[in-house]
Amino acid sequence: MSPLDSTPSALAIQPLFPVSRGRLQRRPDPLELAQQIQALHQLRGEARSNPDPDCAWTGDLHGVWRLHEHPTFAPLIRELCRHALDYLTQLGFDPARLALHIQRCWPVLSEPGQVVGRHHHPNAHLSAVYYLNGDGSGRSGCLRLFPQVQPNELVPGLAVGHGGPIAHPDPWNQPWLEVAPRAGLLLLFPSRLDHAVLPNGDPDDLRCSLSIDFALSAPLPVQTTEPPAEYLAPHPSLWTPLAGR
């Protein structure tokens, strides 16, 4: 037996193919924060849900989906967009070879007990959530992110529990990841990632957040005869709408 064969060693597990979640903690100005929350109350009006009383009120279903044009929120959204560009740069994208667009930007207001069901945003490429309040405890309802696949569970379905042989908590077979709201916290993640919001368990607080959907395209070419990048859609200004009926 060679010395190499007799050397004891420990099995090492290496993480592969991580999901790129961006995270940034801002220090919001208290006065601006109060103005923003007051503006959200005005935009919501008399509505309290979506419309099921157990579902949080989301502005995109009530005509409030261009918050980036609202004077109270426009400066904040411009800053968040700069962080989105930084996220893409850190992923390896060349900012000079793509254009980032806001598809929509809307508020989400969650009364005590209300949730946002599991979903993803198939029409966007990059999504962001920004919290206007929250103390980091999670009592106002965590954001729950779900993996697209569970390659480490080996047998499909074991990672979700229900008496299976996988012990929890286990970092290699987590059925989800939860993030607690905190005022000034920005999260960025691929839009294809399923996510949900747990019930607001704070009886005295309204959870307030903003959501942004981004789309990537090729940049506007200097000459319209230039072909766009192969994997990116041409810049939307070059699209040709067809007359509908």
Protein backbone atom coordinates (compact mmCIF):
# COMPACT_ATOMS: atom_id res chain seq x y z
CA MET A 1 0.00 0.00 0.00
CA SER A 2 1.41 3.38 -0.98
CA PRO A 3 1.64 6.25 1.54
CA LEU A 4 -1.05 8.03 -0.47
CA ASP A 5 -3.46 5.13 -0.04
CA SER A 6 -2.99 5.03 3.73
CA THR A 7 -3.43 8.76 4.34
CA PRO A 8 -6.76 9.40 6.08
CA SER A 9 -8.88 12.13 4.55
CA ALA A 10 -12.30 13.68 5.05
CA LEU A 11 -14.92 13.82 2.37
CA ALA A 12 -15.39 17.38 1.15
CA ILE A 13 -18.59 18.67 -0.45
CA GLN A 14 -18.14 21.55 -2.85
CA PRO A 15 -21.02 23.92 -3.71
CA LEU A 16 -21.71 24.20 -7.42
CA PHE A 17 -23.97 26.39 -9.56
CA PRO A 18 -25.07 28.94 -6.93
CA VAL A 19 -28.02 31.28 -7.43
CA SER A 20 -26.93 34.91 -7.59
CA ARG A 21 -28.85 36.82 -4.94
CA GLY A 22 -27.75 40.43 -4.54
CA ARG A 23 -28.12 42.04 -1.14
CA LEU A 24 -27.51 45.63 -0.06
CA GLN A 25 -28.41 47.39 3.18
CA ARG A 26 -29.13 51.10 2.79
CA ARG A 27 -29.57 53.63 5.56
CA PRO A 28 -32.76 55.39 4.51
CA ASP A 29 -33.39 58.96 5.59
CA PRO A 30 -36.20 58.88 8.22
CA LEU A 31 -38.00 61.90 6.73
CA GLU A 32 -37.90 60.50 3.19
CA LEU A 33 -39.04 57.13 4.52
CA ALA A 34 -42.03 58.67 6.25
CA GLN A 35 -42.97 60.55 3.07
CA GLN A 36 -42.70 57.37 0.99
CA ILE A 37 -44.89 55.33 3.33
CA GLN A 38 -47.45 58.15 3.45
CA ALA A 39 -47.48 58.22 -0.37
CA LEU A 40 -48.13 54.47 -0.46
CA HIS A 41 -51.13 54.87 1.83
CA GLN A 42 -52.51 57.50 -0.56
CA LEU A 43 -51.90 55.31 -3.61
CA ARG A 44 -53.64 52.34 -2.00
CA GLY A 45 -56.66 54.38 -0.98
CA GLU A 46 -59.46 52.40 0.62
CA ALA A 47 -58.30 49.01 -0.65
CA ARG A 48 -56.85 46.57 1.87
CA SER A 49 -56.19 43.37 -0.08
CA ASN A 50 -55.74 41.89 -3.52
CA PRO A 51 -58.81 41.33 -3.43
CA ASP A 52 -58.81 38.16 -1.28
CA PRO A 53 -58.56 39.42 2.33
CA ASP A 54 -55.68 36.99 2.97
CA CYS A 55 -53.61 38.42 0.11
CA ALA A 56 -51.47 41.52 0.37
CA TRP A 57 -52.33 44.56 -1.73
CA THR A 58 -50.06 44.78 -4.77
CA GLY A 59 -50.05 47.93 -6.85
CA ASP A 60 -49.49 46.20 -10.18
CA LEU A 61 -53.05 44.81 -10.03
CA HIS A 62 -54.50 48.19 -9.15
CA GLY A 63 -52.95 50.49 -11.74
CA VAL A 64 -49.93 51.44 -9.61
CA TRP A 65 -47.13 49.87 -11.64
CA ARG A 66 -44.99 52.84 -12.73
CA LEU A 67 -43.77 53.92 -9.32
CA HIS A 68 -40.40 54.89 -10.85
CA GLU A 69 -42.19 57.90 -12.40
CA HIS A 70 -43.72 59.03 -9.10
CA PRO A 71 -41.86 62.11 -7.77
CA THR A 72 -41.68 60.70 -4.24
CA PHE A 73 -40.01 57.48 -5.39
CA ALA A 74 -38.11 58.43 -8.56
CA PRO A 75 -34.81 59.35 -6.82
CA LEU A 76 -34.84 56.13 -4.79
CA ILE A 77 -35.61 53.97 -7.83
CA ARG A 78 -32.79 55.60 -9.80
CA GLU A 79 -30.37 54.63 -7.03
CA LEU A 80 -31.72 51.07 -6.90
CA CYS A 81 -31.24 50.81 -10.67
CA ARG A 82 -27.56 51.69 -10.25
CA HIS A 83 -27.26 48.80 -7.81
CA ALA A 84 -28.98 46.54 -10.35
CA LEU A 85 -26.33 47.47 -12.91
CA ASP A 86 -23.65 46.70 -10.34
CA TYR A 87 -25.28 43.30 -9.76
CA LEU A 88 -25.07 42.54 -13.49
CA THR A 89 -21.47 43.72 -13.66
CA GLN A 90 -20.50 41.42 -10.80
CA LEU A 91 -22.15 38.56 -12.68
CA GLY A 92 -19.82 39.23 -15.59
CA PHE A 93 -22.06 41.26 -17.89
CA ASP A 94 -20.45 44.02 -19.91
CA PRO A 95 -22.59 47.15 -19.29
CA ALA A 96 -21.55 48.57 -22.66
CA ARG A 97 -23.07 45.58 -24.46
CA LEU A 98 -26.55 45.57 -22.95
CA ALA A 99 -29.40 47.86 -21.94
CA LEU A 100 -31.33 47.51 -18.69
CA HIS A 101 -35.00 48.51 -18.68
CA ILE A 102 -37.57 48.90 -15.92
CA GLN A 103 -40.61 46.93 -17.00
CA ARG A 104 -42.69 47.85 -14.01
CA CYS A 105 -42.29 49.05 -10.43
CA TRP A 106 -45.04 48.60 -7.86
CA PRO A 107 -45.67 48.65 -4.10
CA VAL A 108 -46.73 45.72 -1.93
CA LEU A 109 -48.57 46.47 1.32
CA SER A 110 -49.28 43.61 3.69
CA GLU A 111 -51.69 43.92 6.59
CA PRO A 112 -51.36 41.53 9.58
CA GLY A 113 -52.00 37.96 8.47
CA GLN A 114 -51.72 38.68 4.75
CA VAL A 115 -49.42 36.78 2.36
CA VAL A 116 -48.16 36.78 -1.21
CA GLY A 117 -48.48 33.35 -2.78
CA ARG A 118 -45.70 31.44 -4.48
CA HIS A 119 -44.98 32.77 -7.96
CA HIS A 120 -42.26 34.01 -10.30
CA HIS A 121 -42.05 36.71 -12.96
CA PRO A 122 -41.77 34.97 -16.35
CA ASN A 123 -41.90 38.21 -18.36
CA ALA A 124 -38.84 39.75 -16.70
CA HIS A 125 -35.16 38.84 -16.38
CA LEU A 126 -34.14 40.42 -13.07
CA SER A 127 -36.33 41.23 -10.06
CA ALA A 128 -35.74 43.42 -7.03
CA VAL A 129 -37.44 43.88 -3.67
CA TYR A 130 -36.81 46.92 -1.48
CA TYR A 131 -38.17 47.16 2.06
CA LEU A 132 -39.39 50.43 3.52
CA ASN A 133 -39.83 48.94 6.98
CA GLY A 134 -39.05 45.85 9.05
CA ASP A 135 -36.67 45.21 11.92
CA GLY A 136 -34.94 42.07 10.63
CA SER A 137 -36.79 39.74 13.01
CA GLY A 138 -39.03 38.31 10.30
CA ARG A 139 -42.21 38.81 12.33
CA SER A 140 -43.72 41.00 9.60
CA GLY A 141 -43.36 38.17 7.08
CA CYS A 142 -40.20 36.81 5.45
CA LEU A 143 -39.53 36.58 1.75
CA ARG A 144 -39.21 32.87 0.91
CA LEU A 145 -37.06 31.93 -2.11
CA PHE A 146 -37.39 28.47 -3.63
CA PRO A 147 -34.72 26.58 -5.61
CA GLN A 148 -35.64 25.75 -9.18
CA VAL A 149 -34.37 22.22 -8.75
CA GLN A 150 -33.18 20.11 -5.82
CA PRO A 151 -30.25 18.12 -7.31
CA ASN A 152 -28.98 17.04 -3.89
CA GLU A 153 -32.15 15.37 -2.68
CA LEU A 154 -31.32 12.40 -4.99
CA VAL A 155 -34.87 11.07 -4.76
CA PRO A 156 -37.43 13.69 -5.89
CA GLY A 157 -39.59 15.02 -3.09
CA LEU A 158 -37.36 14.19 -0.14
CA ALA A 159 -36.18 17.77 0.43
CA VAL A 160 -39.63 19.05 1.36
CA GLY A 161 -39.81 16.81 4.42
CA HIS A 162 -43.05 15.05 5.38
CA GLY A 163 -41.27 12.34 7.30
CA GLY A 164 -38.56 11.65 4.72
CA PRO A 165 -35.02 10.59 5.62
CA ILE A 166 -33.48 14.05 5.12
CA ALA A 167 -32.85 15.83 8.40
CA HIS A 168 -33.56 19.56 8.71
CA PRO A 169 -31.97 22.01 8.69
CA ASP A 170 -29.60 20.82 6.02
CA PRO A 171 -27.72 23.36 3.86
CA TRP A 172 -27.51 20.97 0.90
CA ASN A 173 -31.23 20.19 0.75
CA GLN A 174 -32.98 23.32 1.92
CA PRO A 175 -36.53 23.44 0.53
CA TRP A 176 -36.34 27.25 0.64
CA LEU A 177 -34.38 30.24 1.91
CA GLU A 178 -36.03 32.97 3.98
CA VAL A 179 -35.02 36.63 4.19
CA ALA A 180 -36.41 38.87 6.92
CA PRO A 181 -37.57 42.39 5.95
CA ARG A 182 -35.48 45.27 7.21
CA ALA A 183 -35.90 48.95 6.39
CA GLY A 184 -33.47 49.87 3.61
CA LEU A 185 -32.76 46.29 2.51
CA LEU A 186 -32.48 45.70 -1.25
CA LEU A 187 -32.60 42.19 -2.71
CA LEU A 188 -31.93 41.26 -6.35
CA PHE A 189 -32.48 37.83 -7.87
CA PRO A 190 -33.29 36.14 -11.21
CA SER A 191 -36.95 36.66 -12.08
CA ARG A 192 -37.41 32.98 -12.87
CA LEU A 193 -36.87 32.12 -9.19
CA ASP A 194 -40.06 31.13 -7.39
CA HIS A 195 -40.75 33.22 -4.29
CA ALA A 196 -43.50 33.95 -1.79
CA VAL A 197 -44.10 36.15 1.25
CA LEU A 198 -45.08 34.61 4.58
CA PRO A 199 -47.91 36.01 6.70
CA ASN A 200 -47.36 39.33 8.41
CA GLY A 201 -47.31 38.27 12.05
CA ASP A 202 -46.98 41.77 13.50
CA PRO A 203 -50.48 42.86 14.61
CA ASP A 204 -49.43 46.52 14.83
CA ASP A 205 -47.46 46.99 11.62
CA LEU A 206 -48.11 47.25 7.89
CA ARG A 207 -45.27 45.71 5.88
CA CYS A 208 -44.29 48.03 3.02
CA SER A 209 -42.04 47.09 0.13
CA LEU A 210 -41.36 47.97 -3.48
CA SER A 211 -40.90 45.51 -6.32
CA ILE A 212 -39.10 46.13 -9.60
CA ASP A 213 -38.98 43.99 -12.71
CA PHE A 214 -36.10 44.57 -15.11
CA ALA A 215 -35.61 43.38 -18.68
CA LEU A 216 -32.33 43.10 -20.56
CA SER A 217 -31.93 43.91 -24.24
CA ALA A 218 -29.19 44.79 -26.65
CA PRO A 219 -28.17 48.47 -26.49
CA LEU A 220 -29.43 50.95 -29.01
CA PRO A 221 -26.97 50.67 -31.92
CA VAL A 222 -25.26 53.68 -33.43
CA GLN A 223 -26.65 52.62 -36.81
CA THR A 224 -29.88 50.67 -37.17
CA THR A 225 -28.17 48.36 -39.66
CA GLU A 226 -25.97 46.94 -36.90
CA PRO A 227 -27.17 43.47 -35.85
CA PRO A 228 -28.01 43.03 -32.15
CA ALA A 229 -26.18 40.61 -29.92
CA GLU A 230 -27.19 37.05 -30.68
CA TYR A 231 -28.68 36.21 -27.27
CA LEU A 232 -30.30 39.55 -26.46
CA ALA A 233 -33.50 40.94 -27.89
CA PRO A 234 -33.00 44.07 -30.02
CA HIS A 235 -33.50 47.36 -28.23
CA PRO A 236 -37.29 47.89 -27.75
CA SER A 237 -37.16 51.18 -29.66
CA LEU A 238 -36.44 49.11 -32.78
CA TRP A 239 -39.42 46.80 -32.38
CA THR A 240 -42.30 47.15 -34.81
CA PRO A 241 -45.78 46.94 -33.22
CA LEU A 242 -48.54 45.37 -35.27
CA ALA A 243 -52.00 46.86 -35.29
CA GLY A 244 -54.34 44.90 -33.08
CA ARG A 245 -58.06 44.37 -33.55
